[in-house]
Amino acid sequence: MFLKENIPGKYIVDSKCIACALCSEIAPMLFASNLEEGYDYIYRQPENVEEEALCQEAMALCPVRAIMVQDGY
């Protein structure tokens, strides 16, 4: 299940997220935390090569593989 706060686009965070905040540390311009609910989400999609690389890094390092690319991208 994808989190409702995700901004529509290529990357999404699903409900496996454990709010480790690693993605928010790697790419704070793309990820935000919902501390009350206990998860992180995409609040802005990458807009350039550097941000795309940071999102890919966050996806690769996510300990529960909660960051993914949506079908069709």
N, C-alpha and C. Protein backbone atom coordinates (compact mmCIF):
# COMPACT_ATOMS: atom_id res chain seq x y z
N MET A 1 0.84 -1.18 0.00
CA MET A 1 0.00 0.00 0.00
C MET A 1 0.89 1.24 0.00
N PHE A 2 0.60 2.17 -0.91
CA PHE A 2 1.37 3.39 -1.01
C PHE A 2 0.83 4.43 -0.05
N LEU A 3 1.72 5.23 0.49
CA LEU A 3 1.32 6.24 1.47
C LEU A 3 0.65 7.42 0.78
N LYS A 4 -0.43 7.89 1.36
CA LYS A 4 -1.25 8.95 0.74
C LYS A 4 -0.52 10.28 0.61
N GLU A 5 0.49 10.53 1.43
CA GLU A 5 1.21 11.80 1.37
C GLU A 5 2.18 11.89 0.18
N ASN A 6 2.51 10.77 -0.44
CA ASN A 6 3.42 10.80 -1.57
C ASN A 6 2.92 11.76 -2.64
N ILE A 7 3.81 12.60 -3.12
CA ILE A 7 3.49 13.46 -4.26
C ILE A 7 3.50 12.57 -5.51
N PRO A 8 2.51 12.69 -6.36
CA PRO A 8 2.47 11.84 -7.56
C PRO A 8 3.73 11.99 -8.40
N GLY A 9 4.19 10.88 -8.94
CA GLY A 9 5.36 10.89 -9.80
C GLY A 9 6.06 9.55 -9.81
N LYS A 10 7.29 9.56 -10.23
CA LYS A 10 8.08 8.35 -10.44
C LYS A 10 8.31 7.56 -9.16
N TYR A 11 8.68 8.23 -8.08
CA TYR A 11 9.04 7.55 -6.84
C TYR A 11 7.90 7.58 -5.83
N ILE A 12 7.81 6.51 -5.07
CA ILE A 12 6.81 6.41 -4.01
C ILE A 12 7.42 5.69 -2.81
N VAL A 13 6.82 5.90 -1.66
CA VAL A 13 7.17 5.16 -0.44
C VAL A 13 5.93 4.38 -0.05
N ASP A 14 6.13 3.10 0.32
CA ASP A 14 4.96 2.32 0.69
C ASP A 14 4.91 2.10 2.20
N SER A 15 3.89 1.39 2.63
CA SER A 15 3.61 1.24 4.07
C SER A 15 4.61 0.37 4.81
N LYS A 16 5.60 -0.20 4.12
CA LYS A 16 6.66 -0.94 4.81
C LYS A 16 7.61 -0.01 5.56
N CYS A 17 7.54 1.28 5.26
CA CYS A 17 8.45 2.26 5.86
C CYS A 17 8.41 2.18 7.39
N ILE A 18 9.59 2.22 7.99
CA ILE A 18 9.72 2.15 9.45
C ILE A 18 10.18 3.47 10.06
N ALA A 19 10.17 4.53 9.28
CA ALA A 19 10.56 5.87 9.75
C ALA A 19 11.98 5.93 10.29
N CYS A 20 12.89 5.23 9.62
CA CYS A 20 14.29 5.32 10.04
C CYS A 20 14.89 6.68 9.69
N ALA A 21 14.26 7.39 8.76
CA ALA A 21 14.64 8.74 8.33
C ALA A 21 15.94 8.79 7.53
N LEU A 22 16.45 7.64 7.10
CA LEU A 22 17.66 7.62 6.28
C LEU A 22 17.43 8.38 4.98
N CYS A 23 16.27 8.18 4.35
CA CYS A 23 15.97 8.88 3.10
C CYS A 23 15.93 10.40 3.31
N SER A 24 15.36 10.82 4.42
CA SER A 24 15.29 12.26 4.72
C SER A 24 16.67 12.85 5.00
N GLU A 25 17.57 12.03 5.51
CA GLU A 25 18.95 12.49 5.72
C GLU A 25 19.69 12.59 4.40
N ILE A 26 19.46 11.63 3.51
CA ILE A 26 20.15 11.61 2.22
C ILE A 26 19.61 12.71 1.31
N ALA A 27 18.29 12.86 1.26
CA ALA A 27 17.67 13.81 0.34
C ALA A 27 16.56 14.59 1.03
N PRO A 28 16.92 15.50 1.93
CA PRO A 28 15.89 16.24 2.66
C PRO A 28 15.01 17.13 1.79
N MET A 29 15.48 17.41 0.56
CA MET A 29 14.66 18.21 -0.34
C MET A 29 13.58 17.38 -1.03
N LEU A 30 13.61 16.04 -0.84
CA LEU A 30 12.66 15.15 -1.50
C LEU A 30 11.77 14.37 -0.53
N PHE A 31 12.31 14.05 0.64
CA PHE A 31 11.60 13.22 1.60
C PHE A 31 11.25 14.00 2.86
N ALA A 32 10.13 13.67 3.46
CA ALA A 32 9.71 14.27 4.72
C ALA A 32 9.23 13.15 5.64
N SER A 33 9.12 13.47 6.92
CA SER A 33 8.69 12.49 7.91
C SER A 33 7.33 12.85 8.48
N ASN A 34 6.52 11.85 8.67
CA ASN A 34 5.28 11.99 9.42
C ASN A 34 5.55 11.28 10.75
N LEU A 35 6.03 12.03 11.72
CA LEU A 35 6.44 11.43 12.99
C LEU A 35 5.28 10.86 13.78
N GLU A 36 4.11 11.47 13.66
CA GLU A 36 2.94 10.98 14.38
C GLU A 36 2.52 9.59 13.90
N GLU A 37 2.61 9.37 12.59
CA GLU A 37 2.19 8.09 12.01
C GLU A 37 3.36 7.11 11.88
N GLY A 38 4.59 7.61 11.94
CA GLY A 38 5.76 6.74 11.92
C GLY A 38 6.22 6.30 10.55
N TYR A 39 6.29 7.23 9.59
CA TYR A 39 6.83 6.89 8.28
C TYR A 39 7.34 8.15 7.58
N ASP A 40 8.15 7.90 6.55
CA ASP A 40 8.64 8.96 5.67
C ASP A 40 7.90 8.84 4.35
N TYR A 41 7.92 9.90 3.55
CA TYR A 41 7.22 9.89 2.27
C TYR A 41 7.88 10.88 1.31
N ILE A 42 7.56 10.75 0.03
CA ILE A 42 8.06 11.66 -1.00
C ILE A 42 7.19 12.91 -0.99
N TYR A 43 7.79 14.04 -0.66
CA TYR A 43 7.01 15.27 -0.69
C TYR A 43 7.34 16.14 -1.90
N ARG A 44 8.39 15.75 -2.63
CA ARG A 44 8.73 16.43 -3.87
C ARG A 44 9.50 15.44 -4.74
N GLN A 45 9.11 15.32 -5.99
CA GLN A 45 9.80 14.42 -6.92
C GLN A 45 11.10 15.07 -7.41
N PRO A 46 12.12 14.25 -7.73
CA PRO A 46 13.38 14.81 -8.24
C PRO A 46 13.15 15.64 -9.49
N GLU A 47 13.90 16.75 -9.58
CA GLU A 47 13.76 17.66 -10.72
C GLU A 47 15.02 17.78 -11.56
N ASN A 48 16.10 17.14 -11.12
CA ASN A 48 17.33 17.22 -11.90
C ASN A 48 18.17 15.96 -11.65
N VAL A 49 19.28 15.86 -12.34
CA VAL A 49 20.13 14.67 -12.27
C VAL A 49 20.65 14.43 -10.85
N GLU A 50 21.04 15.48 -10.16
CA GLU A 50 21.57 15.33 -8.81
C GLU A 50 20.50 14.80 -7.85
N GLU A 51 19.30 15.35 -7.93
CA GLU A 51 18.21 14.89 -7.06
C GLU A 51 17.80 13.47 -7.40
N GLU A 52 17.82 13.13 -8.67
CA GLU A 52 17.51 11.77 -9.10
C GLU A 52 18.53 10.79 -8.50
N ALA A 53 19.80 11.17 -8.51
CA ALA A 53 20.85 10.32 -7.94
C ALA A 53 20.65 10.14 -6.44
N LEU A 54 20.27 11.21 -5.74
CA LEU A 54 20.03 11.11 -4.30
C LEU A 54 18.82 10.21 -4.00
N CYS A 55 17.80 10.31 -4.81
CA CYS A 55 16.62 9.46 -4.61
C CYS A 55 17.00 8.00 -4.86
N GLN A 56 17.78 7.75 -5.88
CA GLN A 56 18.24 6.39 -6.16
C GLN A 56 19.09 5.85 -5.01
N GLU A 57 19.94 6.71 -4.43
CA GLU A 57 20.76 6.30 -3.29
C GLU A 57 19.87 5.95 -2.10
N ALA A 58 18.88 6.79 -1.82
CA ALA A 58 17.96 6.52 -0.71
C ALA A 58 17.21 5.21 -0.95
N MET A 59 16.80 4.97 -2.18
CA MET A 59 16.10 3.74 -2.51
C MET A 59 17.00 2.53 -2.29
N ALA A 60 18.25 2.62 -2.71
CA ALA A 60 19.19 1.51 -2.57
C ALA A 60 19.53 1.22 -1.11
N LEU A 61 19.55 2.25 -0.28
CA LEU A 61 19.95 2.07 1.13
C LEU A 61 18.78 1.84 2.08
N CYS A 62 17.56 1.98 1.61
CA CYS A 62 16.39 1.78 2.47
C CYS A 62 16.42 0.38 3.07
N PRO A 63 16.44 0.26 4.41
CA PRO A 63 16.59 -1.05 5.04
C PRO A 63 15.39 -1.99 4.84
N VAL A 64 14.24 -1.45 4.50
CA VAL A 64 13.05 -2.30 4.31
C VAL A 64 12.53 -2.23 2.87
N ARG A 65 13.29 -1.59 1.97
CA ARG A 65 12.90 -1.48 0.57
C ARG A 65 11.52 -0.86 0.37
N ALA A 66 11.27 0.21 1.12
CA ALA A 66 9.98 0.89 1.07
C ALA A 66 9.90 1.95 -0.02
N ILE A 67 11.04 2.34 -0.59
CA ILE A 67 11.07 3.33 -1.66
C ILE A 67 11.13 2.58 -2.98
N MET A 68 10.26 2.97 -3.90
CA MET A 68 10.26 2.26 -5.19
C MET A 68 9.85 3.18 -6.31
N VAL A 69 10.08 2.68 -7.53
CA VAL A 69 9.66 3.37 -8.74
C VAL A 69 8.30 2.80 -9.13
N GLN A 70 7.36 3.68 -9.41
CA GLN A 70 6.03 3.25 -9.83
C GLN A 70 6.07 2.61 -11.21
N ASP A 71 5.16 1.69 -11.44
CA ASP A 71 5.01 1.09 -12.75
C ASP A 71 4.75 2.18 -13.78
N GLY A 72 5.33 2.02 -14.95
CA GLY A 72 5.12 2.97 -16.03
C GLY A 72 6.21 4.02 -16.14
N TYR A 73 7.20 4.00 -15.23
CA TYR A 73 8.30 4.98 -15.30
C TYR A 73 9.59 4.29 -15.67
